[in-house]
Amino acid sequence: LGADDRDKEGKPLLKVVMRTWLPAGDTLFHMITIHLPSPVTAQKYRAEMLYEGPNDDICCTGIKTCDAEAPLMMYISKMVPTSDKGRFYAFGRVFSGKVAGGQKV
């Protein structure tokens, strides 16, 4: 442990010790990349659960193939208000299409 870390007590010390000997971030990332399918593979069979429209329309086809040129299909998971009234930052996952900063969704 570093000099600053030796002075810590309780929960802050436990966090430093756990991060030092059990680097969860790297381990989780490694396990996710090994065991979870890529979006291109997974979306082929998950598209029916993600999209309620017809299976043969352009949106569903774009989701199945992760097509950047298809219409934007995005799941917004969190909205965070900004200091401006009425504006939000949207956090989400893009299933097809492209999204850019400042774009209205």
PDB file of N, CA and C in Angstrom:
ATOM      1  N   LEU A   1       0.841  -1.193   0.000  1.00  0.00           N
ATOM      2  CA  LEU A   1       0.000   0.000   0.000  1.00  0.00           C
ATOM      3  C   LEU A   1       0.875   1.240   0.000  1.00  0.00           C
ATOM      4  N   GLY A   2       0.334   2.299  -0.603  1.00  0.00           N
ATOM      5  CA  GLY A   2       1.057   3.556  -0.638  1.00  0.00           C
ATOM      6  C   GLY A   2       0.989   4.272   0.702  1.00  0.00           C
ATOM      7  N   ALA A   3       1.780   5.323   0.862  1.00  0.00           N
ATOM      8  CA  ALA A   3       1.824   6.064   2.128  1.00  0.00           C
ATOM      9  C   ALA A   3       0.462   6.664   2.468  1.00  0.00           C
ATOM     10  N   ASP A   4      -0.239   7.186   1.473  1.00  0.00           N
ATOM     11  CA  ASP A   4      -1.562   7.772   1.720  1.00  0.00           C
ATOM     12  C   ASP A   4      -2.567   6.709   2.150  1.00  0.00           C
ATOM     13  N   ASP A   5      -2.432   5.522   1.595  1.00  0.00           N
ATOM     14  CA  ASP A   5      -3.381   4.451   1.895  1.00  0.00           C
ATOM     15  C   ASP A   5      -3.187   3.865   3.289  1.00  0.00           C
ATOM     16  N   ARG A   6      -1.976   3.922   3.822  1.00  0.00           N
ATOM     17  CA  ARG A   6      -1.705   3.354   5.152  1.00  0.00           C
ATOM     18  C   ARG A   6      -2.407   4.122   6.263  1.00  0.00           C
ATOM     19  N   ASP A   7      -2.725   5.380   6.011  1.00  0.00           N
ATOM     20  CA  ASP A   7      -3.386   6.204   7.027  1.00  0.00           C
ATOM     21  C   ASP A   7      -4.894   5.994   7.062  1.00  0.00           C
ATOM     22  N   LYS A   8      -5.430   5.298   6.095  1.00  0.00           N
ATOM     23  CA  LYS A   8      -6.879   5.108   6.025  1.00  0.00           C
ATOM     24  C   LYS A   8      -7.335   4.063   7.032  1.00  0.00           C
ATOM     25  N   GLU A   9      -8.609   4.179   7.405  1.00  0.00           N
ATOM     26  CA  GLU A   9      -9.200   3.221   8.338  1.00  0.00           C
ATOM     27  C   GLU A   9     -10.583   2.832   7.845  1.00  0.00           C
ATOM     28  N   GLY A  10     -11.040   1.691   8.286  1.00  0.00           N
ATOM     29  CA  GLY A  10     -12.407   1.270   8.011  1.00  0.00           C
ATOM     30  C   GLY A  10     -12.675   0.997   6.542  1.00  0.00           C
ATOM     31  N   LYS A  11     -13.812   1.512   6.085  1.00  0.00           N
ATOM     32  CA  LYS A  11     -14.275   1.235   4.729  1.00  0.00           C
ATOM     33  C   LYS A  11     -13.318   1.745   3.648  1.00  0.00           C
ATOM     34  N   PRO A  12     -12.759   2.978   3.770  1.00  0.00           N
ATOM     35  CA  PRO A  12     -11.800   3.418   2.744  1.00  0.00           C
ATOM     36  C   PRO A  12     -10.585   2.492   2.627  1.00  0.00           C
ATOM     37  N   LEU A  13     -10.083   1.990   3.773  1.00  0.00           N
ATOM     38  CA  LEU A  13      -8.949   1.064   3.748  1.00  0.00           C
ATOM     39  C   LEU A  13      -9.342  -0.256   3.090  1.00  0.00           C
ATOM     40  N   LEU A  14     -10.522  -0.750   3.413  1.00  0.00           N
ATOM     41  CA  LEU A  14     -11.001  -1.996   2.815  1.00  0.00           C
ATOM     42  C   LEU A  14     -11.110  -1.867   1.297  1.00  0.00           C
ATOM     43  N   LYS A  15     -11.610  -0.724   0.823  1.00  0.00           N
ATOM     44  CA  LYS A  15     -11.723  -0.504  -0.626  1.00  0.00           C
ATOM     45  C   LYS A  15     -10.358  -0.556  -1.302  1.00  0.00           C
ATOM     46  N   VAL A  16      -9.359   0.093  -0.691  1.00  0.00           N
ATOM     47  CA  VAL A  16      -8.015   0.104  -1.273  1.00  0.00           C
ATOM     48  C   VAL A  16      -7.439  -1.305  -1.307  1.00  0.00           C
ATOM     49  N   VAL A  17      -7.605  -2.040  -0.210  1.00  0.00           N
ATOM     50  CA  VAL A  17      -7.082  -3.406  -0.144  1.00  0.00           C
ATOM     51  C   VAL A  17      -7.753  -4.285  -1.197  1.00  0.00           C
ATOM     52  N   MET A  18      -9.066  -4.190  -1.317  1.00  0.00           N
ATOM     53  CA  MET A  18      -9.787  -5.016  -2.286  1.00  0.00           C
ATOM     54  C   MET A  18      -9.396  -4.668  -3.716  1.00  0.00           C
ATOM     55  N   ARG A  19      -9.217  -3.396  -4.007  1.00  0.00           N
ATOM     56  CA  ARG A  19      -8.807  -2.998  -5.365  1.00  0.00           C
ATOM     57  C   ARG A  19      -7.392  -3.470  -5.678  1.00  0.00           C
ATOM     58  N   THR A  20      -6.548  -3.513  -4.653  1.00  0.00           N
ATOM     59  CA  THR A  20      -5.161  -3.911  -4.864  1.00  0.00           C
ATOM     60  C   THR A  20      -5.041  -5.408  -5.129  1.00  0.00           C
ATOM     61  N   TRP A  21      -5.718  -6.222  -4.321  1.00  0.00           N
ATOM     62  CA  TRP A  21      -5.564  -7.668  -4.442  1.00  0.00           C
ATOM     63  C   TRP A  21      -6.645  -8.342  -5.273  1.00  0.00           C
ATOM     64  N   LEU A  22      -7.759  -7.702  -5.448  1.00  0.00           N
ATOM     65  CA  LEU A  22      -8.843  -8.271  -6.248  1.00  0.00           C
ATOM     66  C   LEU A  22      -9.332  -7.238  -7.260  1.00  0.00           C
ATOM     67  N   PRO A  23      -8.596  -7.048  -8.339  1.00  0.00           N
ATOM     68  CA  PRO A  23      -9.010  -6.042  -9.331  1.00  0.00           C
ATOM     69  C   PRO A  23     -10.255  -6.503 -10.094  1.00  0.00           C
ATOM     70  N   ALA A  24     -11.418  -6.198  -9.553  1.00  0.00           N
ATOM     71  CA  ALA A  24     -12.679  -6.692 -10.109  1.00  0.00           C
ATOM     72  C   ALA A  24     -12.933  -6.180 -11.524  1.00  0.00           C
ATOM     73  N   GLY A  25     -12.560  -4.948 -11.809  1.00  0.00           N
ATOM     74  CA  GLY A  25     -12.835  -4.377 -13.126  1.00  0.00           C
ATOM     75  C   GLY A  25     -12.218  -5.183 -14.252  1.00  0.00           C
ATOM     76  N   ASP A  26     -10.940  -5.481 -14.136  1.00  0.00           N
ATOM     77  CA  ASP A  26     -10.259  -6.260 -15.176  1.00  0.00           C
ATOM     78  C   ASP A  26     -10.818  -7.676 -15.266  1.00  0.00           C
ATOM     79  N   THR A  27     -11.088  -8.263 -14.109  1.00  0.00           N
ATOM     80  CA  THR A  27     -11.614  -9.626 -14.086  1.00  0.00           C
ATOM     81  C   THR A  27     -12.993  -9.696 -14.721  1.00  0.00           C
ATOM     82  N   LEU A  28     -13.870  -8.763 -14.356  1.00  0.00           N
ATOM     83  CA  LEU A  28     -15.214  -8.743 -14.935  1.00  0.00           C
ATOM     84  C   LEU A  28     -15.165  -8.522 -16.439  1.00  0.00           C
ATOM     85  N   PHE A  29     -14.331  -7.589 -16.873  1.00  0.00           N
ATOM     86  CA  PHE A  29     -14.203  -7.323 -18.305  1.00  0.00           C
ATOM     87  C   PHE A  29     -13.752  -8.580 -19.048  1.00  0.00           C
ATOM     88  N   HIS A  30     -12.772  -9.264 -18.500  1.00  0.00           N
ATOM     89  CA  HIS A  30     -12.264 -10.489 -19.131  1.00  0.00           C
ATOM     90  C   HIS A  30     -13.360 -11.552 -19.211  1.00  0.00           C
ATOM     91  N   MET A  31     -14.106 -11.747 -18.137  1.00  0.00           N
ATOM     92  CA  MET A  31     -15.169 -12.756 -18.121  1.00  0.00           C
ATOM     93  C   MET A  31     -16.307 -12.387 -19.074  1.00  0.00           C
ATOM     94  N   ILE A  32     -16.650 -11.106 -19.145  1.00  0.00           N
ATOM     95  CA  ILE A  32     -17.712 -10.663 -20.055  1.00  0.00           C
ATOM     96  C   ILE A  32     -17.317 -10.923 -21.501  1.00  0.00           C
ATOM     97  N   THR A  33     -16.078 -10.592 -21.851  1.00  0.00           N
ATOM     98  CA  THR A  33     -15.652 -10.790 -23.236  1.00  0.00           C
ATOM     99  C   THR A  33     -15.566 -12.265 -23.606  1.00  0.00           C
ATOM    100  N   ILE A  34     -15.314 -13.126 -22.631  1.00  0.00           N
ATOM    101  CA  ILE A  34     -15.246 -14.566 -22.913  1.00  0.00           C
ATOM    102  C   ILE A  34     -16.636 -15.183 -23.014  1.00  0.00           C
ATOM    103  N   HIS A  35     -17.527 -14.838 -22.078  1.00  0.00           N
ATOM    104  CA  HIS A  35     -18.781 -15.576 -21.934  1.00  0.00           C
ATOM    105  C   HIS A  35     -20.001 -14.947 -22.597  1.00  0.00           C
ATOM    106  N   LEU A  36     -20.003 -13.654 -22.844  1.00  0.00           N
ATOM    107  CA  LEU A  36     -21.171 -13.030 -23.464  1.00  0.00           C
ATOM    108  C   LEU A  36     -20.964 -12.903 -24.967  1.00  0.00           C
ATOM    109  N   PRO A  37     -22.014 -13.114 -25.748  1.00  0.00           N
ATOM    110  CA  PRO A  37     -21.869 -12.991 -27.205  1.00  0.00           C
ATOM    111  C   PRO A  37     -21.701 -11.530 -27.617  1.00  0.00           C
ATOM    112  N   SER A  38     -21.099 -11.331 -28.763  1.00  0.00           N
ATOM    113  CA  SER A  38     -20.955  -9.974 -29.288  1.00  0.00           C
ATOM    114  C   SER A  38     -22.337  -9.436 -29.655  1.00  0.00           C
ATOM    115  N   PRO A  39     -22.518  -8.115 -29.705  1.00  0.00           N
ATOM    116  CA  PRO A  39     -23.813  -7.564 -30.107  1.00  0.00           C
ATOM    117  C   PRO A  39     -24.265  -8.052 -31.477  1.00  0.00           C
ATOM    118  N   VAL A  40     -23.345  -8.208 -32.406  1.00  0.00           N
ATOM    119  CA  VAL A  40     -23.714  -8.668 -33.750  1.00  0.00           C
ATOM    120  C   VAL A  40     -24.317 -10.068 -33.682  1.00  0.00           C
ATOM    121  N   THR A  41     -23.745 -10.935 -32.876  1.00  0.00           N
ATOM    122  CA  THR A  41     -24.270 -12.298 -32.727  1.00  0.00           C
ATOM    123  C   THR A  41     -25.570 -12.301 -31.938  1.00  0.00           C
ATOM    124  N   ALA A  42     -25.592 -11.603 -30.819  1.00  0.00           N
ATOM    125  CA  ALA A  42     -26.748 -11.644 -29.916  1.00  0.00           C
ATOM    126  C   ALA A  42     -27.984 -10.994 -30.517  1.00  0.00           C
ATOM    127  N   GLN A  43     -27.814  -9.907 -31.233  1.00  0.00           N
ATOM    128  CA  GLN A  43     -28.977  -9.194 -31.749  1.00  0.00           C
ATOM    129  C   GLN A  43     -29.721  -9.979 -32.818  1.00  0.00           C
ATOM    130  N   LYS A  44     -29.073 -10.918 -33.456  1.00  0.00           N
ATOM    131  CA  LYS A  44     -29.763 -11.733 -34.460  1.00  0.00           C
ATOM    132  C   LYS A  44     -30.902 -12.516 -33.830  1.00  0.00           C
ATOM    133  N   TYR A  45     -30.689 -13.045 -32.630  1.00  0.00           N
ATOM    134  CA  TYR A  45     -31.755 -13.820 -31.993  1.00  0.00           C
ATOM    135  C   TYR A  45     -32.513 -13.035 -30.925  1.00  0.00           C
ATOM    136  N   ARG A  46     -32.031 -11.859 -30.546  1.00  0.00           N
ATOM    137  CA  ARG A  46     -32.738 -11.049 -29.554  1.00  0.00           C
ATOM    138  C   ARG A  46     -33.617  -9.972 -30.175  1.00  0.00           C
ATOM    139  N   ALA A  47     -33.521  -9.776 -31.456  1.00  0.00           N
ATOM    140  CA  ALA A  47     -34.264  -8.694 -32.108  1.00  0.00           C
ATOM    141  C   ALA A  47     -35.763  -8.811 -31.874  1.00  0.00           C
ATOM    142  N   GLU A  48     -36.280 -10.015 -31.840  1.00  0.00           N
ATOM    143  CA  GLU A  48     -37.720 -10.207 -31.626  1.00  0.00           C
ATOM    144  C   GLU A  48     -38.153  -9.740 -30.241  1.00  0.00           C
ATOM    145  N   MET A  49     -37.257  -9.825 -29.254  1.00  0.00           N
ATOM    146  CA  MET A  49     -37.575  -9.345 -27.906  1.00  0.00           C
ATOM    147  C   MET A  49     -37.372  -7.837 -27.788  1.00  0.00           C
ATOM    148  N   LEU A  50     -36.478  -7.291 -28.602  1.00  0.00           N
ATOM    149  CA  LEU A  50     -36.151  -5.873 -28.527  1.00  0.00           C
ATOM    150  C   LEU A  50     -37.126  -4.998 -29.304  1.00  0.00           C
ATOM    151  N   TYR A  51     -37.736  -5.546 -30.334  1.00  0.00           N
ATOM    152  CA  TYR A  51     -38.556  -4.761 -31.254  1.00  0.00           C
ATOM    153  C   TYR A  51     -39.912  -5.425 -31.421  1.00  0.00           C
ATOM    154  N   GLU A  52     -40.977  -4.652 -31.235  1.00  0.00           N
ATOM    155  CA  GLU A  52     -42.330  -5.204 -31.292  1.00  0.00           C
ATOM    156  C   GLU A  52     -42.980  -5.108 -32.667  1.00  0.00           C
ATOM    157  N   GLY A  53     -42.339  -4.445 -33.607  1.00  0.00           N
ATOM    158  CA  GLY A  53     -42.905  -4.307 -34.942  1.00  0.00           C
ATOM    159  C   GLY A  53     -42.699  -5.566 -35.772  1.00  0.00           C
ATOM    160  N   PRO A  54     -43.042  -5.482 -37.065  1.00  0.00           N
ATOM    161  CA  PRO A  54     -42.873  -6.639 -37.959  1.00  0.00           C
ATOM    162  C   PRO A  54     -41.405  -7.055 -38.072  1.00  0.00           C
ATOM    163  N   ASN A  55     -41.156  -8.347 -38.174  1.00  0.00           N
ATOM    164  CA  ASN A  55     -39.788  -8.865 -38.242  1.00  0.00           C
ATOM    165  C   ASN A  55     -39.076  -8.552 -39.549  1.00  0.00           C
ATOM    166  N   ASP A  56     -39.832  -8.157 -40.578  1.00  0.00           N
ATOM    167  CA  ASP A  56     -39.205  -7.936 -41.875  1.00  0.00           C
ATOM    168  C   ASP A  56     -39.084  -6.459 -42.248  1.00  0.00           C
ATOM    169  N   ASP A  57     -39.413  -5.539 -41.332  1.00  0.00           N
ATOM    170  CA  ASP A  57     -39.287  -4.124 -41.696  1.00  0.00           C
ATOM    171  C   ASP A  57     -37.849  -3.637 -41.508  1.00  0.00           C
ATOM    172  N   ILE A  58     -37.575  -2.434 -41.974  1.00  0.00           N
ATOM    173  CA  ILE A  58     -36.210  -1.905 -42.011  1.00  0.00           C
ATOM    174  C   ILE A  58     -35.617  -1.730 -40.618  1.00  0.00           C
ATOM    175  N   CYS A  59     -36.450  -1.392 -39.637  1.00  0.00           N
ATOM    176  CA  CYS A  59     -35.952  -1.198 -38.269  1.00  0.00           C
ATOM    177  C   CYS A  59     -35.498  -2.516 -37.653  1.00  0.00           C
ATOM    178  N   CYS A  60     -36.303  -3.548 -37.776  1.00  0.00           N
ATOM    179  CA  CYS A  60     -35.952  -4.859 -37.214  1.00  0.00           C
ATOM    180  C   CYS A  60     -34.734  -5.445 -37.928  1.00  0.00           C
ATOM    181  N   THR A  61     -34.686  -5.286 -39.224  1.00  0.00           N
ATOM    182  CA  THR A  61     -33.534  -5.770 -39.981  1.00  0.00           C
ATOM    183  C   THR A  61     -32.264  -5.045 -39.547  1.00  0.00           C
ATOM    184  N   GLY A  62     -32.363  -3.732 -39.309  1.00  0.00           N
ATOM    185  CA  GLY A  62     -31.218  -2.963 -38.830  1.00  0.00           C
ATOM    186  C   GLY A  62     -30.743  -3.418 -37.467  1.00  0.00           C
ATOM    187  N   ILE A  63     -31.685  -3.743 -36.578  1.00  0.00           N
ATOM    188  CA  ILE A  63     -31.321  -4.244 -35.251  1.00  0.00           C
ATOM    189  C   ILE A  63     -30.610  -5.590 -35.368  1.00  0.00           C
ATOM    190  N   LYS A  64     -31.135  -6.477 -36.197  1.00  0.00           N
ATOM    191  CA  LYS A  64     -30.549  -7.817 -36.338  1.00  0.00           C
ATOM    192  C   LYS A  64     -29.120  -7.771 -36.848  1.00  0.00           C
ATOM    193  N   THR A  65     -28.816  -6.804 -37.709  1.00  0.00           N
ATOM    194  CA  THR A  65     -27.489  -6.745 -38.331  1.00  0.00           C
ATOM    195  C   THR A  65     -26.587  -5.662 -37.749  1.00  0.00           C
ATOM    196  N   CYS A  66     -27.059  -4.948 -36.724  1.00  0.00           N
ATOM    197  CA  CYS A  66     -26.294  -3.827 -36.137  1.00  0.00           C
ATOM    198  C   CYS A  66     -25.873  -2.842 -37.227  1.00  0.00           C
ATOM    199  N   ASP A  67     -26.794  -2.529 -38.118  1.00  0.00           N
ATOM    200  CA  ASP A  67     -26.511  -1.710 -39.289  1.00  0.00           C
ATOM    201  C   ASP A  67     -26.434  -0.233 -38.915  1.00  0.00           C
ATOM    202  N   ALA A  68     -25.288   0.383 -39.155  1.00  0.00           N
ATOM    203  CA  ALA A  68     -25.103   1.803 -38.853  1.00  0.00           C
ATOM    204  C   ALA A  68     -25.879   2.696 -39.810  1.00  0.00           C
ATOM    205  N   GLU A  69     -26.264   2.173 -40.966  1.00  0.00           N
ATOM    206  CA  GLU A  69     -27.006   2.961 -41.952  1.00  0.00           C
ATOM    207  C   GLU A  69     -28.518   2.822 -41.792  1.00  0.00           C
ATOM    208  N   ALA A  70     -28.969   1.954 -40.922  1.00  0.00           N
ATOM    209  CA  ALA A  70     -30.407   1.768 -40.677  1.00  0.00           C
ATOM    210  C   ALA A  70     -30.931   2.919 -39.818  1.00  0.00           C
ATOM    211  N   PRO A  71     -32.241   3.041 -39.681  1.00  0.00           N
ATOM    212  CA  PRO A  71     -32.790   4.077 -38.799  1.00  0.00           C
ATOM    213  C   PRO A  71     -32.288   3.881 -37.365  1.00  0.00           C
ATOM    214  N   LEU A  72     -32.165   4.980 -36.646  1.00  0.00           N
ATOM    215  CA  LEU A  72     -31.690   4.925 -35.265  1.00  0.00           C
ATOM    216  C   LEU A  72     -32.703   4.205 -34.386  1.00  0.00           C
ATOM    217  N   MET A  73     -32.251   3.143 -33.755  1.00  0.00           N
ATOM    218  CA  MET A  73     -33.040   2.408 -32.768  1.00  0.00           C
ATOM    219  C   MET A  73     -32.194   2.378 -31.504  1.00  0.00           C
ATOM    220  N   MET A  74     -32.698   3.018 -30.458  1.00  0.00           N
ATOM    221  CA  MET A  74     -31.905   3.209 -29.250  1.00  0.00           C
ATOM    222  C   MET A  74     -32.771   3.004 -28.022  1.00  0.00           C
ATOM    223  N   TYR A  75     -32.217   2.358 -27.008  1.00  0.00           N
ATOM    224  CA  TYR A  75     -32.908   2.194 -25.733  1.00  0.00           C
ATOM    225  C   TYR A  75     -32.301   3.185 -24.751  1.00  0.00           C
ATOM    226  N   ILE A  76     -33.100   4.119 -24.278  1.00  0.00           N
ATOM    227  CA  ILE A  76     -32.641   5.107 -23.304  1.00  0.00           C
ATOM    228  C   ILE A  76     -32.810   4.497 -21.918  1.00  0.00           C
ATOM    229  N   SER A  77     -31.700   4.343 -21.201  1.00  0.00           N
ATOM    230  CA  SER A  77     -31.757   3.711 -19.885  1.00  0.00           C
ATOM    231  C   SER A  77     -31.757   4.715 -18.746  1.00  0.00           C
ATOM    232  N   LYS A  78     -31.303   5.933 -19.001  1.00  0.00           N
ATOM    233  CA  LYS A  78     -31.253   6.923 -17.924  1.00  0.00           C
ATOM    234  C   LYS A  78     -31.326   8.319 -18.515  1.00  0.00           C
ATOM    235  N   MET A  79     -32.103   9.165 -17.864  1.00  0.00           N
ATOM    236  CA  MET A  79     -32.204  10.575 -18.242  1.00  0.00           C
ATOM    237  C   MET A  79     -31.694  11.398 -17.059  1.00  0.00           C
ATOM    238  N   VAL A  80     -30.710  12.253 -17.313  1.00  0.00           N
ATOM    239  CA  VAL A  80     -30.129  13.076 -16.260  1.00  0.00           C
ATOM    240  C   VAL A  80     -30.411  14.533 -16.592  1.00  0.00           C
ATOM    241  N   PRO A  81     -31.083  15.262 -15.687  1.00  0.00           N
ATOM    242  CA  PRO A  81     -31.375  16.668 -15.978  1.00  0.00           C
ATOM    243  C   PRO A  81     -30.101  17.509 -15.978  1.00  0.00           C
ATOM    244  N   THR A  82     -30.073  18.501 -16.858  1.00  0.00           N
ATOM    245  CA  THR A  82     -28.955  19.435 -16.903  1.00  0.00           C
ATOM    246  C   THR A  82     -29.321  20.670 -16.096  1.00  0.00           C
ATOM    247  N   SER A  83     -28.398  21.604 -16.021  1.00  0.00           N
ATOM    248  CA  SER A  83     -28.692  22.843 -15.301  1.00  0.00           C
ATOM    249  C   SER A  83     -29.679  23.712 -16.082  1.00  0.00           C
ATOM    250  N   ASP A  84     -29.778  23.499 -17.410  1.00  0.00           N
ATOM    251  CA  ASP A  84     -30.781  24.196 -18.219  1.00  0.00           C
ATOM    252  C   ASP A  84     -32.138  23.562 -17.947  1.00  0.00           C
ATOM    253  N   LYS A  85     -33.136  24.382 -17.780  1.00  0.00           N
ATOM    254  CA  LYS A  85     -34.470  23.828 -17.537  1.00  0.00           C
ATOM    255  C   LYS A  85     -34.980  23.128 -18.792  1.00  0.00           C
ATOM    256  N   GLY A  86     -35.527  21.943 -18.591  1.00  0.00           N
ATOM    257  CA  GLY A  86     -36.141  21.216 -19.692  1.00  0.00           C
ATOM    258  C   GLY A  86     -35.187  20.425 -20.561  1.00  0.00           C
ATOM    259  N   ARG A  87     -33.889  20.413 -20.246  1.00  0.00           N
ATOM    260  CA  ARG A  87     -32.931  19.647 -21.048  1.00  0.00           C
ATOM    261  C   ARG A  87     -32.391  18.489 -20.230  1.00  0.00           C
ATOM    262  N   PHE A  88     -32.083  17.397 -20.917  1.00  0.00           N
ATOM    263  CA  PHE A  88     -31.586  16.201 -20.255  1.00  0.00           C
ATOM    264  C   PHE A  88     -30.426  15.606 -21.040  1.00  0.00           C
ATOM    265  N   TYR A  89     -29.551  14.919 -20.331  1.00  0.00           N
ATOM    266  CA  TYR A  89     -28.580  14.039 -20.962  1.00  0.00           C
ATOM    267  C   TYR A  89     -29.215  12.656 -20.975  1.00  0.00           C
ATOM    268  N   ALA A  90     -29.174  12.009 -22.113  1.00  0.00           N
ATOM    269  CA  ALA A  90     -29.757  10.676 -22.234  1.00  0.00           C
ATOM    270  C   ALA A  90     -28.633   9.654 -22.368  1.00  0.00           C
ATOM    271  N   PHE A  91     -28.686   8.625 -21.544  1.00  0.00           N
ATOM    272  CA  PHE A  91     -27.744   7.519 -21.626  1.00  0.00           C
ATOM    273  C   PHE A  91     -28.495   6.310 -22.155  1.00  0.00           C
ATOM    274  N   GLY A  92     -27.932   5.676 -23.169  1.00  0.00           N
ATOM    275  CA  GLY A  92     -28.643   4.545 -23.744  1.00  0.00           C
ATOM    276  C   GLY A  92     -27.743   3.670 -24.588  1.00  0.00           C
ATOM    277  N   ARG A  93     -28.349   2.636 -25.140  1.00  0.00           N
ATOM    278  CA  ARG A  93     -27.641   1.689 -25.999  1.00  0.00           C
ATOM    279  C   ARG A  93     -28.220   1.777 -27.396  1.00  0.00           C
ATOM    280  N   VAL A  94     -27.340   1.919 -28.367  1.00  0.00           N
ATOM    281  CA  VAL A  94     -27.738   2.007 -29.767  1.00  0.00           C
ATOM    282  C   VAL A  94     -27.782   0.592 -30.348  1.00  0.00           C
ATOM    283  N   PHE A  95     -28.930   0.235 -30.922  1.00  0.00           N
ATOM    284  CA  PHE A  95     -29.085  -1.075 -31.551  1.00  0.00           C
ATOM    285  C   PHE A  95     -28.878  -1.001 -33.058  1.00  0.00           C
ATOM    286  N   SER A  96     -29.198   0.132 -33.662  1.00  0.00           N
ATOM    287  CA  SER A  96     -28.926   0.340 -35.085  1.00  0.00           C
ATOM    288  C   SER A  96     -28.907   1.839 -35.334  1.00  0.00           C
ATOM    289  N   GLY A  97     -28.309   2.225 -36.460  1.00  0.00           N
ATOM    290  CA  GLY A  97     -28.213   3.637 -36.792  1.00  0.00           C
ATOM    291  C   GLY A  97     -27.029   4.300 -36.113  1.00  0.00           C
ATOM    292  N   LYS A  98     -27.006   5.616 -36.204  1.00  0.00           N
ATOM    293  CA  LYS A  98     -25.924   6.406 -35.609  1.00  0.00           C
ATOM    294  C   LYS A  98     -26.534   7.504 -34.763  1.00  0.00           C
ATOM    295  N   VAL A  99     -25.876   7.842 -33.690  1.00  0.00           N
ATOM    296  CA  VAL A  99     -26.306   8.942 -32.839  1.00  0.00           C
ATOM    297  C   VAL A  99     -25.098   9.844 -32.620  1.00  0.00           C
ATOM    298  N   ALA A 100     -25.346  11.144 -32.552  1.00  0.00           N
ATOM    299  CA  ALA A 100     -24.271  12.112 -32.366  1.00  0.00           C
ATOM    300  C   ALA A 100     -24.638  13.061 -31.236  1.00  0.00           C
ATOM    301  N   GLY A 101     -23.641  13.668 -30.647  1.00  0.00           N
ATOM    302  CA  GLY A 101     -23.873  14.639 -29.590  1.00  0.00           C
ATOM    303  C   GLY A 101     -24.733  15.782 -30.094  1.00  0.00           C
ATOM    304  N   GLY A 102     -25.703  16.181 -29.284  1.00  0.00           N
ATOM    305  CA  GLY A 102     -26.597  17.265 -29.660  1.00  0.00           C
ATOM    306  C   GLY A 102     -27.774  16.842 -30.513  1.00  0.00           C
ATOM    307  N   GLN A 103     -27.781  15.605 -30.966  1.00  0.00           N
ATOM    308  CA  GLN A 103     -28.876  15.115 -31.802  1.00  0.00           C
ATOM    309  C   GLN A 103     -30.133  14.956 -30.962  1.00  0.00           C
ATOM    310  N   LYS A 104     -31.264  15.381 -31.504  1.00  0.00           N
ATOM    311  CA  LYS A 104     -32.536  15.193 -30.812  1.00  0.00           C
ATOM    312  C   LYS A 104     -33.006  13.768 -31.029  1.00  0.00           C
ATOM    313  N   VAL A 105     -33.343  13.118 -29.930  1.00  0.00           N
ATOM    314  CA  VAL A 105     -33.773  11.718 -29.988  1.00  0.00           C
ATOM    315  C   VAL A 105     -35.196  11.635 -29.484  1.00  0.00           C
TER     316      VAL A 105
END
